[in-house]
Amino acid sequence: MSSLRGRGRWVAAAAGALLVAAAAATGFLIAEHTRPPAPRPASERPELLVLTSLPIVFPDEGFSLDFPASPALEALQGRYRVRPISLADKTSLGESRLLMMAQPRAQPAEVLVELDRWVRSGGRVLLLADPLLEWPSARPLGDALRPPVTFADTGLLGHWGLRLDFPEKPGVVAVEIGRAKVEARSPGTLVATGKQCRLDDGGLVARCRIGRGEATVIADADLLDATRSERGQGNLAAVLSELERLER
């Protein structure tokens, strides 16, 4: 009997150790997916085109290089050779394969045609389209250089089989994109109107096959404002993970 009791205590201790190890491993995985992916060696960083109205490249909104880089730009530059562009036209896209558009200003119709052709020919794009941007700006409403409050969709989403709906209730919500815990600010909801797109994360994310290329759309651009979010690192981790997925 004593040997049986001893064996029972040993089994219980072993089970407890396994539970602790499992909990530690789970915590490690959660932590890993809360932090942005580790930087790559400079020689291994692919080119990433960035088209945005947000003060990421020039954090002071004054096009000055005297201010430190934004956390979003630092995270991107640790993984990519970032090249800002002002239009998603054929000339700017060139032979590049990966593009991030974050709350871009309205693109002319002919430019959207060229962007669509680029994607269908194999291009990959991550589009952060926010129906109710809450990014702070020192510029007054109506200023042409202020980021647009609402994503300026001139037909692109509809052409790709998507609709972007306004949030039912503004405010900060804690959600997940993939396995990254993020904090979204008044995110919209994406609705599939065609068969090209698969909706994930409650309509916050849409992943679409467009010809030979791919487009991932996230209905919140405030994710890139890591300085105002308690889960800023998780936000950047989610964005970088989506870009990494598009690379494959």
C-alpha atoms as a PDB file:
ATOM      1  CA  MET A   1       0.000   0.000   0.000  1.00  0.00           C
ATOM      2  CA  SER A   2       2.785   2.398   0.867  1.00  0.00           C
ATOM      3  CA  SER A   3       4.399   1.744  -2.518  1.00  0.00           C
ATOM      4  CA  LEU A   4       1.094   2.478  -4.213  1.00  0.00           C
ATOM      5  CA  ARG A   5       0.718   5.726  -2.275  1.00  0.00           C
ATOM      6  CA  GLY A   6       4.288   6.660  -3.188  1.00  0.00           C
ATOM      7  CA  ARG A   7       3.625   5.905  -6.846  1.00  0.00           C
ATOM      8  CA  GLY A   8       0.441   8.017  -6.675  1.00  0.00           C
ATOM      9  CA  ARG A   9       2.355  10.972  -5.245  1.00  0.00           C
ATOM     10  CA  TRP A  10       4.974  10.594  -8.002  1.00  0.00           C
ATOM     11  CA  VAL A  11       2.293  10.566 -10.729  1.00  0.00           C
ATOM     12  CA  ALA A  12       0.596  13.617  -9.199  1.00  0.00           C
ATOM     13  CA  ALA A  13       3.905  15.480  -9.020  1.00  0.00           C
ATOM     14  CA  ALA A  14       4.737  14.569 -12.617  1.00  0.00           C
ATOM     15  CA  ALA A  15       1.291  15.697 -13.780  1.00  0.00           C
ATOM     16  CA  GLY A  16       1.708  18.966 -11.911  1.00  0.00           C
ATOM     17  CA  ALA A  17       5.088  19.537 -13.530  1.00  0.00           C
ATOM     18  CA  LEU A  18       3.607  18.896 -16.956  1.00  0.00           C
ATOM     19  CA  LEU A  19       0.813  21.387 -16.268  1.00  0.00           C
ATOM     20  CA  VAL A  20       3.321  24.021 -15.179  1.00  0.00           C
ATOM     21  CA  ALA A  21       5.421  23.382 -18.282  1.00  0.00           C
ATOM     22  CA  ALA A  22       2.348  23.591 -20.507  1.00  0.00           C
ATOM     23  CA  ALA A  23       1.277  26.852 -18.876  1.00  0.00           C
ATOM     24  CA  ALA A  24       4.762  28.262 -19.310  1.00  0.00           C
ATOM     25  CA  ALA A  25       4.831  27.207 -22.951  1.00  0.00           C
ATOM     26  CA  THR A  26       1.417  28.763 -23.520  1.00  0.00           C
ATOM     27  CA  GLY A  27       2.566  31.977 -21.902  1.00  0.00           C
ATOM     28  CA  PHE A  28       5.675  31.928 -24.081  1.00  0.00           C
ATOM     29  CA  LEU A  29       3.591  31.522 -27.234  1.00  0.00           C
ATOM     30  CA  ILE A  30       1.266  34.336 -26.212  1.00  0.00           C
ATOM     31  CA  ALA A  31       4.245  36.567 -25.459  1.00  0.00           C
ATOM     32  CA  GLU A  32       5.849  35.666 -28.784  1.00  0.00           C
ATOM     33  CA  HIS A  33       2.713  36.687 -30.652  1.00  0.00           C
ATOM     34  CA  THR A  34       2.378  39.880 -28.618  1.00  0.00           C
ATOM     35  CA  ARG A  35       5.769  41.186 -29.667  1.00  0.00           C
ATOM     36  CA  PRO A  36       6.687  42.136 -33.246  1.00  0.00           C
ATOM     37  CA  PRO A  37       8.784  39.523 -35.069  1.00  0.00           C
ATOM     38  CA  ALA A  38      12.518  39.867 -34.559  1.00  0.00           C
ATOM     39  CA  PRO A  39      14.409  42.157 -36.985  1.00  0.00           C
ATOM     40  CA  ARG A  40      16.021  40.553 -40.009  1.00  0.00           C
ATOM     41  CA  PRO A  41      19.617  41.051 -41.103  1.00  0.00           C
ATOM     42  CA  ALA A  42      19.755  44.012 -43.482  1.00  0.00           C
ATOM     43  CA  SER A  43      20.751  41.775 -46.389  1.00  0.00           C
ATOM     44  CA  GLU A  44      17.610  39.650 -45.938  1.00  0.00           C
ATOM     45  CA  ARG A  45      15.043  42.449 -45.829  1.00  0.00           C
ATOM     46  CA  PRO A  46      12.721  42.494 -48.858  1.00  0.00           C
ATOM     47  CA  GLU A  47      11.433  45.769 -50.236  1.00  0.00           C
ATOM     48  CA  LEU A  48       8.150  47.074 -48.850  1.00  0.00           C
ATOM     49  CA  LEU A  49       6.324  49.909 -50.560  1.00  0.00           C
ATOM     50  CA  VAL A  50       4.370  52.089 -48.133  1.00  0.00           C
ATOM     51  CA  LEU A  51       1.538  54.374 -49.183  1.00  0.00           C
ATOM     52  CA  THR A  52      -0.071  56.208 -46.279  1.00  0.00           C
ATOM     53  CA  SER A  53      -1.529  59.506 -45.119  1.00  0.00           C
ATOM     54  CA  LEU A  54      -0.587  58.699 -41.522  1.00  0.00           C
ATOM     55  CA  PRO A  55       2.385  60.438 -39.846  1.00  0.00           C
ATOM     56  CA  ILE A  56       4.549  57.332 -39.818  1.00  0.00           C
ATOM     57  CA  VAL A  57       7.519  58.320 -41.965  1.00  0.00           C
ATOM     58  CA  PHE A  58       7.304  61.958 -40.799  1.00  0.00           C
ATOM     59  CA  PRO A  59       5.929  61.706 -37.237  1.00  0.00           C
ATOM     60  CA  ASP A  60       5.611  65.462 -36.697  1.00  0.00           C
ATOM     61  CA  GLU A  61       3.251  65.949 -39.695  1.00  0.00           C
ATOM     62  CA  GLY A  62       5.673  68.601 -40.927  1.00  0.00           C
ATOM     63  CA  PHE A  63       7.800  66.476 -43.260  1.00  0.00           C
ATOM     64  CA  SER A  64      10.823  67.000 -41.044  1.00  0.00           C
ATOM     65  CA  LEU A  65      13.579  64.433 -40.546  1.00  0.00           C
ATOM     66  CA  ASP A  66      14.565  65.930 -37.166  1.00  0.00           C
ATOM     67  CA  PHE A  67      12.025  63.868 -35.234  1.00  0.00           C
ATOM     68  CA  PRO A  68      12.719  60.261 -34.201  1.00  0.00           C
ATOM     69  CA  ALA A  69      11.156  57.522 -36.272  1.00  0.00           C
ATOM     70  CA  SER A  70       7.721  56.349 -35.212  1.00  0.00           C
ATOM     71  CA  PRO A  71       7.460  52.936 -33.516  1.00  0.00           C
ATOM     72  CA  ALA A  72       5.573  51.665 -36.568  1.00  0.00           C
ATOM     73  CA  LEU A  73       8.331  52.751 -38.954  1.00  0.00           C
ATOM     74  CA  GLU A  74      11.033  51.288 -36.706  1.00  0.00           C
ATOM     75  CA  ALA A  75       9.196  47.973 -36.619  1.00  0.00           C
ATOM     76  CA  LEU A  76       8.757  47.960 -40.397  1.00  0.00           C
ATOM     77  CA  GLN A  77      12.361  48.934 -41.059  1.00  0.00           C
ATOM     78  CA  GLY A  78      13.559  46.080 -38.875  1.00  0.00           C
ATOM     79  CA  ARG A  79      11.973  43.641 -41.315  1.00  0.00           C
ATOM     80  CA  TYR A  80      11.906  45.461 -44.662  1.00  0.00           C
ATOM     81  CA  ARG A  81      13.577  47.991 -46.890  1.00  0.00           C
ATOM     82  CA  VAL A  82      10.805  50.570 -46.655  1.00  0.00           C
ATOM     83  CA  ARG A  83      10.189  52.752 -49.713  1.00  0.00           C
ATOM     84  CA  PRO A  84       7.427  55.383 -49.348  1.00  0.00           C
ATOM     85  CA  ILE A  85       5.356  56.143 -52.439  1.00  0.00           C
ATOM     86  CA  SER A  86       2.656  58.743 -53.030  1.00  0.00           C
ATOM     87  CA  LEU A  87       0.602  56.928 -55.678  1.00  0.00           C
ATOM     88  CA  ALA A  88      -0.164  53.269 -56.301  1.00  0.00           C
ATOM     89  CA  ASP A  89       0.394  53.700 -60.032  1.00  0.00           C
ATOM     90  CA  LYS A  90       2.260  51.461 -62.440  1.00  0.00           C
ATOM     91  CA  THR A  91       5.442  53.533 -62.277  1.00  0.00           C
ATOM     92  CA  SER A  92       5.588  53.558 -58.463  1.00  0.00           C
ATOM     93  CA  LEU A  93       4.711  49.882 -58.091  1.00  0.00           C
ATOM     94  CA  GLY A  94       7.198  48.788 -60.750  1.00  0.00           C
ATOM     95  CA  GLU A  95       8.571  45.300 -60.188  1.00  0.00           C
ATOM     96  CA  SER A  96       7.969  45.369 -56.427  1.00  0.00           C
ATOM     97  CA  ARG A  97       5.934  42.564 -54.943  1.00  0.00           C
ATOM     98  CA  LEU A  98       4.774  43.828 -51.525  1.00  0.00           C
ATOM     99  CA  LEU A  99       2.776  46.970 -50.683  1.00  0.00           C
ATOM    100  CA  MET A 100       1.249  48.314 -47.477  1.00  0.00           C
ATOM    101  CA  MET A 101      -1.481  50.940 -47.817  1.00  0.00           C
ATOM    102  CA  ALA A 102      -2.535  52.522 -44.516  1.00  0.00           C
ATOM    103  CA  GLN A 103      -5.477  54.941 -44.705  1.00  0.00           C
ATOM    104  CA  PRO A 104      -4.293  56.217 -48.100  1.00  0.00           C
ATOM    105  CA  ARG A 105      -5.736  59.323 -49.648  1.00  0.00           C
ATOM    106  CA  ALA A 106      -8.147  58.836 -52.546  1.00  0.00           C
ATOM    107  CA  GLN A 107      -6.365  57.456 -55.570  1.00  0.00           C
ATOM    108  CA  PRO A 108      -7.407  58.559 -59.079  1.00  0.00           C
ATOM    109  CA  ALA A 109      -9.508  56.059 -61.021  1.00  0.00           C
ATOM    110  CA  GLU A 110      -6.726  55.311 -63.497  1.00  0.00           C
ATOM    111  CA  VAL A 111      -4.340  54.609 -60.613  1.00  0.00           C
ATOM    112  CA  LEU A 112      -6.773  52.134 -59.053  1.00  0.00           C
ATOM    113  CA  VAL A 113      -6.935  50.321 -62.396  1.00  0.00           C
ATOM    114  CA  GLU A 114      -3.139  50.022 -62.398  1.00  0.00           C
ATOM    115  CA  LEU A 115      -3.110  48.875 -58.761  1.00  0.00           C
ATOM    116  CA  ASP A 116      -5.716  46.215 -59.501  1.00  0.00           C
ATOM    117  CA  ARG A 117      -3.688  44.965 -62.480  1.00  0.00           C
ATOM    118  CA  TRP A 118      -0.545  44.857 -60.335  1.00  0.00           C
ATOM    119  CA  VAL A 119      -2.288  42.716 -57.718  1.00  0.00           C
ATOM    120  CA  ARG A 120      -3.835  40.412 -60.326  1.00  0.00           C
ATOM    121  CA  SER A 121      -0.393  39.932 -61.840  1.00  0.00           C
ATOM    122  CA  GLY A 122       0.959  38.604 -58.541  1.00  0.00           C
ATOM    123  CA  GLY A 123       1.334  41.640 -56.275  1.00  0.00           C
ATOM    124  CA  ARG A 124       0.588  41.386 -52.558  1.00  0.00           C
ATOM    125  CA  VAL A 125      -1.021  44.258 -50.649  1.00  0.00           C
ATOM    126  CA  LEU A 126      -1.937  44.856 -47.016  1.00  0.00           C
ATOM    127  CA  LEU A 127      -4.614  47.549 -46.841  1.00  0.00           C
ATOM    128  CA  LEU A 128      -5.536  49.169 -43.533  1.00  0.00           C
ATOM    129  CA  ALA A 129      -8.840  50.871 -44.297  1.00  0.00           C
ATOM    130  CA  ASP A 130     -10.429  52.707 -41.376  1.00  0.00           C
ATOM    131  CA  PRO A 131     -14.033  53.965 -41.531  1.00  0.00           C
ATOM    132  CA  LEU A 132     -13.549  56.088 -38.405  1.00  0.00           C
ATOM    133  CA  LEU A 133      -9.905  57.035 -37.869  1.00  0.00           C
ATOM    134  CA  GLU A 134      -9.076  58.360 -34.384  1.00  0.00           C
ATOM    135  CA  TRP A 135      -5.407  59.154 -35.001  1.00  0.00           C
ATOM    136  CA  PRO A 136      -4.661  62.531 -33.360  1.00  0.00           C
ATOM    137  CA  SER A 137      -3.639  65.345 -35.685  1.00  0.00           C
ATOM    138  CA  ALA A 138      -2.590  68.939 -35.124  1.00  0.00           C
ATOM    139  CA  ARG A 139      -4.005  69.862 -38.519  1.00  0.00           C
ATOM    140  CA  PRO A 140      -7.581  71.178 -38.666  1.00  0.00           C
ATOM    141  CA  LEU A 141     -10.405  69.215 -40.237  1.00  0.00           C
ATOM    142  CA  GLY A 142     -10.453  69.886 -43.947  1.00  0.00           C
ATOM    143  CA  ASP A 143      -6.687  70.330 -44.193  1.00  0.00           C
ATOM    144  CA  ALA A 144      -5.527  68.444 -47.282  1.00  0.00           C
ATOM    145  CA  LEU A 145      -2.520  67.081 -45.358  1.00  0.00           C
ATOM    146  CA  ARG A 146      -4.565  65.717 -42.461  1.00  0.00           C
ATOM    147  CA  PRO A 147      -5.198  61.953 -42.640  1.00  0.00           C
ATOM    148  CA  PRO A 148      -8.757  61.331 -43.867  1.00  0.00           C
ATOM    149  CA  VAL A 149     -11.134  60.368 -41.074  1.00  0.00           C
ATOM    150  CA  THR A 150     -12.875  57.875 -43.364  1.00  0.00           C
ATOM    151  CA  PHE A 151     -11.138  55.546 -45.794  1.00  0.00           C
ATOM    152  CA  ALA A 152     -11.507  57.100 -49.221  1.00  0.00           C
ATOM    153  CA  ASP A 153     -12.877  54.105 -51.094  1.00  0.00           C
ATOM    154  CA  THR A 154     -13.609  55.007 -54.702  1.00  0.00           C
ATOM    155  CA  GLY A 155     -14.676  51.516 -55.727  1.00  0.00           C
ATOM    156  CA  LEU A 156     -11.609  49.376 -55.002  1.00  0.00           C
ATOM    157  CA  LEU A 157     -13.140  47.320 -52.176  1.00  0.00           C
ATOM    158  CA  GLY A 158     -16.307  46.676 -54.131  1.00  0.00           C
ATOM    159  CA  HIS A 159     -14.251  45.556 -57.116  1.00  0.00           C
ATOM    160  CA  TRP A 160     -12.514  43.041 -54.862  1.00  0.00           C
ATOM    161  CA  GLY A 161     -15.791  41.778 -53.388  1.00  0.00           C
ATOM    162  CA  LEU A 162     -15.858  43.657 -50.104  1.00  0.00           C
ATOM    163  CA  ARG A 163     -17.878  46.282 -48.272  1.00  0.00           C
ATOM    164  CA  LEU A 164     -16.603  48.326 -45.333  1.00  0.00           C
ATOM    165  CA  ASP A 165     -19.246  49.149 -42.717  1.00  0.00           C
ATOM    166  CA  PHE A 166     -18.983  51.795 -40.003  1.00  0.00           C
ATOM    167  CA  PRO A 167     -18.703  50.652 -36.388  1.00  0.00           C
ATOM    168  CA  GLU A 168     -21.995  50.253 -34.590  1.00  0.00           C
ATOM    169  CA  LYS A 169     -20.496  51.923 -31.522  1.00  0.00           C
ATOM    170  CA  PRO A 170     -17.242  53.949 -31.417  1.00  0.00           C
ATOM    171  CA  GLY A 171     -14.641  53.083 -28.830  1.00  0.00           C
ATOM    172  CA  VAL A 172     -11.620  50.984 -28.011  1.00  0.00           C
ATOM    173  CA  VAL A 173     -12.018  47.223 -28.264  1.00  0.00           C
ATOM    174  CA  ALA A 174      -9.586  44.431 -27.430  1.00  0.00           C
ATOM    175  CA  VAL A 175      -9.587  41.814 -30.181  1.00  0.00           C
ATOM    176  CA  GLU A 176      -7.267  39.301 -31.777  1.00  0.00           C
ATOM    177  CA  ILE A 177      -5.825  39.188 -35.273  1.00  0.00           C
ATOM    178  CA  GLY A 178      -4.529  35.698 -35.764  1.00  0.00           C
ATOM    179  CA  ARG A 179      -2.845  34.955 -32.445  1.00  0.00           C
ATOM    180  CA  ALA A 180      -1.850  38.564 -31.711  1.00  0.00           C
ATOM    181  CA  LYS A 181      -3.830  40.421 -29.070  1.00  0.00           C
ATOM    182  CA  VAL A 182      -4.536  43.915 -30.371  1.00  0.00           C
ATOM    183  CA  GLU A 183      -6.349  47.074 -29.399  1.00  0.00           C
ATOM    184  CA  ALA A 184      -8.522  48.510 -32.149  1.00  0.00           C
ATOM    185  CA  ARG A 185     -10.098  51.961 -32.071  1.00  0.00           C
ATOM    186  CA  SER A 186     -13.605  52.134 -33.506  1.00  0.00           C
ATOM    187  CA  PRO A 187     -12.853  49.418 -36.073  1.00  0.00           C
ATOM    188  CA  GLY A 188     -15.159  48.842 -38.987  1.00  0.00           C
ATOM    189  CA  THR A 189     -16.625  45.575 -40.185  1.00  0.00           C
ATOM    190  CA  LEU A 190     -15.830  44.008 -43.536  1.00  0.00           C
ATOM    191  CA  VAL A 191     -18.609  42.226 -45.408  1.00  0.00           C
ATOM    192  CA  ALA A 192     -17.955  39.864 -48.317  1.00  0.00           C
ATOM    193  CA  THR A 193     -19.990  40.716 -51.411  1.00  0.00           C
ATOM    194  CA  GLY A 194     -18.188  38.221 -53.642  1.00  0.00           C
ATOM    195  CA  LYS A 195     -16.369  34.907 -53.428  1.00  0.00           C
ATOM    196  CA  GLN A 196     -12.772  36.146 -53.554  1.00  0.00           C
ATOM    197  CA  CYS A 197     -12.492  37.031 -49.872  1.00  0.00           C
ATOM    198  CA  ARG A 198     -12.523  35.064 -46.632  1.00  0.00           C
ATOM    199  CA  LEU A 199     -13.529  36.984 -43.514  1.00  0.00           C
ATOM    200  CA  ASP A 200     -11.724  36.406 -40.233  1.00  0.00           C
ATOM    201  CA  ASP A 201     -11.698  37.837 -36.711  1.00  0.00           C
ATOM    202  CA  GLY A 202     -15.348  38.825 -36.754  1.00  0.00           C
ATOM    203  CA  GLY A 203     -15.091  40.778 -39.999  1.00  0.00           C
ATOM    204  CA  LEU A 204     -12.107  42.833 -38.869  1.00  0.00           C
ATOM    205  CA  VAL A 205      -9.880  41.131 -41.431  1.00  0.00           C
ATOM    206  CA  ALA A 206     -10.522  39.946 -44.988  1.00  0.00           C
ATOM    207  CA  ARG A 207      -8.050  37.838 -46.954  1.00  0.00           C
ATOM    208  CA  CYS A 208      -8.706  37.871 -50.679  1.00  0.00           C
ATOM    209  CA  ARG A 209      -7.317  36.028 -53.693  1.00  0.00           C
ATOM    210  CA  ILE A 210      -7.199  38.514 -56.554  1.00  0.00           C
ATOM    211  CA  GLY A 211      -6.028  36.855 -59.747  1.00  0.00           C
ATOM    212  CA  ARG A 212      -2.477  35.617 -59.117  1.00  0.00           C
ATOM    213  CA  GLY A 213      -2.054  38.050 -56.234  1.00  0.00           C
ATOM    214  CA  GLU A 214      -3.488  38.569 -52.798  1.00  0.00           C
ATOM    215  CA  ALA A 215      -4.956  41.384 -50.727  1.00  0.00           C
ATOM    216  CA  THR A 216      -5.422  41.456 -46.967  1.00  0.00           C
ATOM    217  CA  VAL A 217      -7.721  44.190 -45.687  1.00  0.00           C
ATOM    218  CA  ILE A 218      -7.926  45.244 -42.028  1.00  0.00           C
ATOM    219  CA  ALA A 219     -10.811  47.534 -41.034  1.00  0.00           C
ATOM    220  CA  ASP A 220      -8.723  49.654 -38.668  1.00  0.00           C
ATOM    221  CA  ALA A 221      -5.676  51.857 -39.330  1.00  0.00           C
ATOM    222  CA  ASP A 222      -5.266  53.074 -35.735  1.00  0.00           C
ATOM    223  CA  LEU A 223      -3.443  49.786 -35.122  1.00  0.00           C
ATOM    224  CA  LEU A 224      -0.275  51.518 -36.318  1.00  0.00           C
ATOM    225  CA  ASP A 225      -0.499  54.177 -33.590  1.00  0.00           C
ATOM    226  CA  ALA A 226       1.363  52.033 -31.063  1.00  0.00           C
ATOM    227  CA  THR A 227       2.101  54.974 -28.747  1.00  0.00           C
ATOM    228  CA  ARG A 228      -1.553  55.372 -27.722  1.00  0.00           C
ATOM    229  CA  SER A 229      -2.343  51.722 -27.234  1.00  0.00           C
ATOM    230  CA  GLU A 230      -1.811  49.564 -24.165  1.00  0.00           C
ATOM    231  CA  ARG A 231      -1.296  46.711 -26.623  1.00  0.00           C
ATOM    232  CA  GLY A 232       0.855  48.666 -29.047  1.00  0.00           C
ATOM    233  CA  GLN A 233       3.398  45.868 -29.405  1.00  0.00           C
ATOM    234  CA  GLY A 234       0.601  43.408 -30.150  1.00  0.00           C
ATOM    235  CA  ASN A 235      -0.785  45.791 -32.769  1.00  0.00           C
ATOM    236  CA  LEU A 236       2.551  45.992 -34.563  1.00  0.00           C
ATOM    237  CA  ALA A 237       3.019  42.232 -34.214  1.00  0.00           C
ATOM    238  CA  ALA A 238      -0.309  41.677 -35.975  1.00  0.00           C
ATOM    239  CA  VAL A 239       0.573  44.021 -38.840  1.00  0.00           C
ATOM    240  CA  LEU A 240       4.021  42.499 -39.338  1.00  0.00           C
ATOM    241  CA  SER A 241       2.611  38.980 -39.163  1.00  0.00           C
ATOM    242  CA  GLU A 242       0.100  39.805 -41.890  1.00  0.00           C
ATOM    243  CA  LEU A 243       2.882  41.223 -44.060  1.00  0.00           C
ATOM    244  CA  GLU A 244       4.978  38.127 -43.437  1.00  0.00           C
ATOM    245  CA  ARG A 245       2.062  35.913 -44.450  1.00  0.00           C
ATOM    246  CA  LEU A 246       1.695  37.847 -47.694  1.00  0.00           C
ATOM    247  CA  GLU A 247       5.345  37.222 -48.497  1.00  0.00           C
ATOM    248  CA  ARG A 248       4.782  33.463 -48.814  1.00  0.00           C
END
